[in-house]
Protein backbone atom coordinates (compact mmCIF):
# COMPACT_ATOMS: atom_id res chain seq x y z
CA MET A 1 45.31 -79.69 7.05
CA PHE A 2 42.98 -77.46 9.23
CA GLY A 3 40.12 -78.37 6.80
CA ALA A 4 40.73 -81.88 7.54
CA GLY A 5 41.04 -80.90 11.30
CA VAL A 6 37.51 -79.92 11.28
CA ALA A 7 36.48 -83.55 10.33
CA GLY A 8 39.07 -84.78 12.95
CA THR A 9 37.38 -82.71 15.69
CA LEU A 10 34.02 -84.27 14.66
CA TRP A 11 35.46 -87.79 14.41
CA GLY A 12 37.36 -87.50 17.84
CA GLY A 13 34.07 -86.55 19.39
CA ARG A 14 32.32 -89.55 17.89
CA LEU A 15 35.12 -91.88 19.05
CA ALA A 16 34.98 -90.50 22.53
CA ASP A 17 31.10 -91.12 22.71
CA ARG A 18 31.78 -94.66 21.46
CA TYR A 19 34.86 -95.91 23.20
CA GLY A 20 35.54 -93.31 25.81
CA HIS A 21 37.50 -90.11 26.00
CA ARG A 22 40.63 -91.44 27.18
CA LYS A 23 40.65 -94.17 24.50
CA ALA A 24 39.90 -91.51 21.74
CA VAL A 25 42.88 -89.32 22.95
CA LEU A 26 45.14 -92.40 23.25
CA ILE A 27 44.23 -93.47 19.69
CA GLY A 28 44.80 -90.02 18.33
CA TYR A 29 48.37 -89.45 19.85
CA ALA A 30 49.16 -93.17 18.99
CA ALA A 31 48.33 -92.44 15.39
CA LEU A 32 50.48 -89.33 15.27
CA ILE A 33 53.62 -91.12 15.81
CA PRO A 34 53.81 -93.03 12.58
CA LEU A 35 52.27 -90.25 10.51
CA LEU A 36 55.01 -87.92 11.52
CA ILE A 37 57.65 -90.44 10.89
CA LEU A 38 56.21 -91.25 7.43
CA PHE A 39 56.01 -87.41 6.86
CA VAL A 40 59.53 -86.97 7.39
CA GLN A 41 60.51 -89.83 4.99
CA VAL A 42 58.36 -88.45 2.19
CA LEU A 43 60.45 -86.54 -0.37
CA ASP A 44 57.71 -85.67 -2.79
CA VAL A 45 55.72 -82.68 -2.23
CA VAL A 46 52.47 -84.14 -3.75
CA HIS A 47 52.73 -87.22 -1.26
CA ALA A 48 53.63 -84.92 1.83
CA ALA A 49 50.55 -82.55 1.05
CA ALA A 50 48.43 -85.71 0.76
CA LEU A 51 49.59 -86.68 4.23
CA LEU A 52 48.54 -83.50 5.66
CA VAL A 53 44.79 -84.66 5.41
CA PRO A 54 45.30 -87.72 7.69
CA PHE A 55 47.63 -85.68 9.98
CA GLY A 56 45.09 -82.93 10.41
CA ILE A 57 42.21 -85.42 11.16
CA VAL A 58 44.26 -87.25 13.75
CA LEU A 59 45.93 -84.38 15.37
CA LEU A 60 42.69 -82.39 15.88
CA SER A 61 40.64 -85.54 16.83
CA THR A 62 42.15 -85.21 20.29
CA TYR A 63 40.90 -81.60 21.00
CA SER A 64 37.20 -82.23 21.84
CA PRO A 65 37.70 -85.39 23.99
CA LEU A 66 40.52 -83.48 25.94
CA VAL A 67 38.22 -80.62 26.67
CA VAL A 68 35.34 -82.79 27.80
CA MET A 69 37.85 -84.89 30.13
CA GLY A 70 38.97 -81.52 31.62
CA GLN A 71 35.26 -80.75 32.26
CA ARG A 72 34.68 -84.02 33.93
CA PHE A 73 37.67 -83.70 36.11
CA LEU A 74 36.37 -80.17 37.25
CA PRO A 75 32.37 -80.53 36.90
CA ASN A 76 31.73 -77.55 38.88
CA ARG A 77 34.06 -75.37 37.09
CA VAL A 78 33.65 -76.26 33.34
CA GLY A 79 34.54 -72.86 32.02
CA LEU A 80 37.82 -73.00 33.93
CA ALA A 81 38.39 -76.59 32.77
CA SER A 82 37.91 -75.65 29.19
CA GLY A 83 40.16 -72.71 29.52
CA ILE A 84 42.92 -74.52 31.31
CA THR A 85 42.74 -77.45 28.62
CA LEU A 86 42.91 -75.17 25.65
CA GLY A 87 44.92 -72.40 27.35
CA VAL A 88 47.76 -74.61 28.52
CA ALA A 89 47.97 -76.34 25.21
CA VAL A 90 48.15 -73.05 23.23
CA SER A 91 50.67 -71.61 25.93
CA ILE A 92 53.05 -74.56 25.74
CA GLY A 93 52.81 -74.54 22.04
CA GLY A 94 53.74 -70.85 22.06
CA ILE A 95 56.71 -71.44 24.33
CA VAL A 96 58.02 -74.53 22.30
CA ALA A 97 57.61 -73.02 18.72
CA PRO A 98 60.55 -70.72 19.12
CA LEU A 99 62.64 -73.57 20.30
CA LEU A 100 61.54 -75.88 17.46
CA GLY A 101 62.27 -73.06 15.05
CA HIS A 102 65.79 -72.83 16.41
CA VAL A 103 66.21 -76.39 16.02
CA ALA A 104 64.95 -76.10 12.36
CA ASP A 105 67.21 -73.21 11.61
CA GLY A 106 70.20 -75.29 12.86
CA TYR A 107 69.38 -78.88 11.59
CA GLY A 108 66.52 -78.39 9.16
CA LEU A 109 62.79 -78.97 9.17
CA PRO A 110 63.08 -82.88 9.04
CA SER A 111 64.86 -82.83 12.30
CA VAL A 112 62.06 -80.77 13.95
CA LEU A 113 59.38 -83.27 12.74
CA THR A 114 61.39 -86.09 14.02
CA VAL A 115 61.75 -84.34 17.56
CA LEU A 116 57.98 -83.94 17.29
CA SER A 117 57.32 -87.64 16.68
CA PHE A 118 59.33 -88.46 19.62
CA LEU A 119 57.57 -85.98 21.77
CA THR A 120 54.34 -87.70 20.89
CA VAL A 121 55.48 -90.83 22.78
CA PRO A 122 55.35 -89.17 26.22
CA ALA A 123 51.89 -87.71 25.37
CA VAL A 124 50.75 -91.50 24.72
CA LEU A 125 52.30 -92.45 28.09
CA LEU A 126 50.74 -89.55 30.00
CA THR A 127 47.34 -90.35 28.43
CA LEU A 128 47.81 -93.99 29.71
CA MET A 129 48.26 -92.35 33.29
CA LEU A 130 44.97 -90.53 33.24
CA PRO A 131 42.31 -92.05 35.43
CA GLY A 132 39.68 -94.03 33.72
CA PRO A 133 36.02 -92.96 33.33
CA GLN A 134 34.92 -94.67 36.86
CA ALA A 135 37.78 -92.96 38.66
CA ALA A 136 36.79 -89.56 36.98
CA ARG A 137 33.11 -89.83 37.86
CA LYS A 138 34.06 -90.76 41.55
CA GLU A 139 36.33 -87.72 41.87
CA GLY A 140 33.79 -85.47 40.15
CA GLY A 141 31.21 -86.42 42.60
């Protein structure tokens, strides 16, 4: 999955350069929803393992565009923007992981993956609320 994520990071950067950072993030988050739902439905280990490749590509394709977007929102503080972008993501993941583990213990791993597929919907909606490239440039100076 993480090997595919390397390709996803590069692909996400290319998407962002071509279509814009916001669209690249939106595409990545929107593509996660069906992948997670499909992953929960697959009962064969081989097919589930094969799904980890597109899952890794799509999941990590959002990272580089998000970091660059943060840097554009705080152009005079690019280090701070990068730290906040990645630091908040890792911190929230660290906070949520034990909660998801508790759900997995009580209801099983498919339940957690279903919860994650539904949590991706707010990510898509929040991405739609981000200012477009013109607004970000005006705010940044």
